[in-house]
Structure formats: structure tokens, C-alpha cells
Amino acid sequence: MNKRYIKVLGLYTLSTLIPAVIFSEEESAANWAAKTAAGYGIFAYGLKVMTKRKNA
């Protein structure tokens, strides 16, 4: 996996974890992980598409 995507994954995970902890939502860790994975997947795909358009 590209280093750039690893950094984005870390930042995205951190940005979703902090509000979940602060507001202590009543959801399971599995639910949070699923939402985070789906959100990151969409974000990473958009990043890939935009990079391709920029380099084209």
C-alpha cells in the first residue's frame, strides 16, 4: 500500500475516533470500525480518482 494512503488512513481513523470517544456514542467498536472502513474506502477512491485526473 502506498505510504500516502497509510498516512490518510491514520489521520482519517484518528479524526473519527476522537469524536466517538468525546461524545461517547452508544455504539459497538465493530460498528465504529465498519463506518470508518467504509468512509476511508470512499475517501481513498476519491483521492485516487483526483490524482489520476491531475496527472492526465
Protein backbone atom coordinates (compact mmCIF):
# COMPACT_ATOMS: atom_id res chain seq x y z
CA MET A 1 0.00 0.00 0.00
CA ASN A 2 1.21 3.48 -0.85
CA LYS A 3 2.68 5.47 2.10
CA ARG A 4 0.32 8.31 1.27
CA TYR A 5 -2.72 6.08 1.76
CA ILE A 6 -1.33 4.77 5.06
CA LYS A 7 -0.98 8.35 6.34
CA VAL A 8 -4.51 9.18 5.17
CA LEU A 9 -5.83 6.04 6.88
CA GLY A 10 -4.17 7.06 10.15
CA LEU A 11 -5.49 10.61 10.02
CA TYR A 12 -8.98 9.50 9.00
CA THR A 13 -9.12 6.90 11.78
CA LEU A 14 -7.94 9.44 14.34
CA SER A 15 -10.44 12.03 13.14
CA THR A 16 -13.33 9.58 13.56
CA LEU A 17 -12.09 8.10 16.84
CA ILE A 18 -11.76 11.38 18.74
CA PRO A 19 -15.43 12.47 18.34
CA ALA A 20 -16.60 8.92 19.11
CA VAL A 21 -14.66 8.95 22.39
CA ILE A 22 -15.54 12.53 23.35
CA PHE A 23 -19.26 12.15 22.73
CA SER A 24 -19.17 8.51 23.93
CA GLU A 25 -21.68 7.28 21.42
CA GLU A 26 -23.53 4.12 22.41
CA GLU A 27 -22.25 2.03 19.53
CA SER A 28 -20.05 -1.02 19.42
CA ALA A 29 -16.43 -0.98 18.33
CA ALA A 30 -17.36 -3.19 15.37
CA ASN A 31 -19.93 -0.65 14.21
CA TRP A 32 -17.38 2.18 14.50
CA ALA A 33 -14.79 0.10 12.60
CA ALA A 34 -17.27 -0.65 9.81
CA LYS A 35 -18.20 3.03 9.45
CA THR A 36 -14.53 4.02 9.47
CA ALA A 37 -13.61 1.41 6.85
CA ALA A 38 -16.47 2.46 4.57
CA GLY A 39 -15.67 6.15 4.94
CA TYR A 40 -11.97 5.59 4.30
CA GLY A 41 -12.74 3.47 1.24
CA ILE A 42 -14.82 6.25 -0.28
CA PHE A 43 -12.21 8.87 0.61
CA ALA A 44 -9.30 6.81 -0.78
CA TYR A 45 -11.17 6.14 -4.02
CA GLY A 46 -11.83 9.86 -4.45
CA LEU A 47 -8.18 10.64 -3.75
CA LYS A 48 -7.10 8.10 -6.37
CA VAL A 49 -9.50 9.49 -9.00
CA MET A 50 -8.45 13.08 -8.36
CA THR A 51 -4.76 12.13 -8.59
CA LYS A 52 -5.34 10.40 -11.92
CA ARG A 53 -7.22 13.43 -13.28
CA LYS A 54 -4.43 15.75 -12.11
CA ASN A 55 -1.72 13.66 -13.79
CA ALA A 56 -3.67 13.12 -17.02
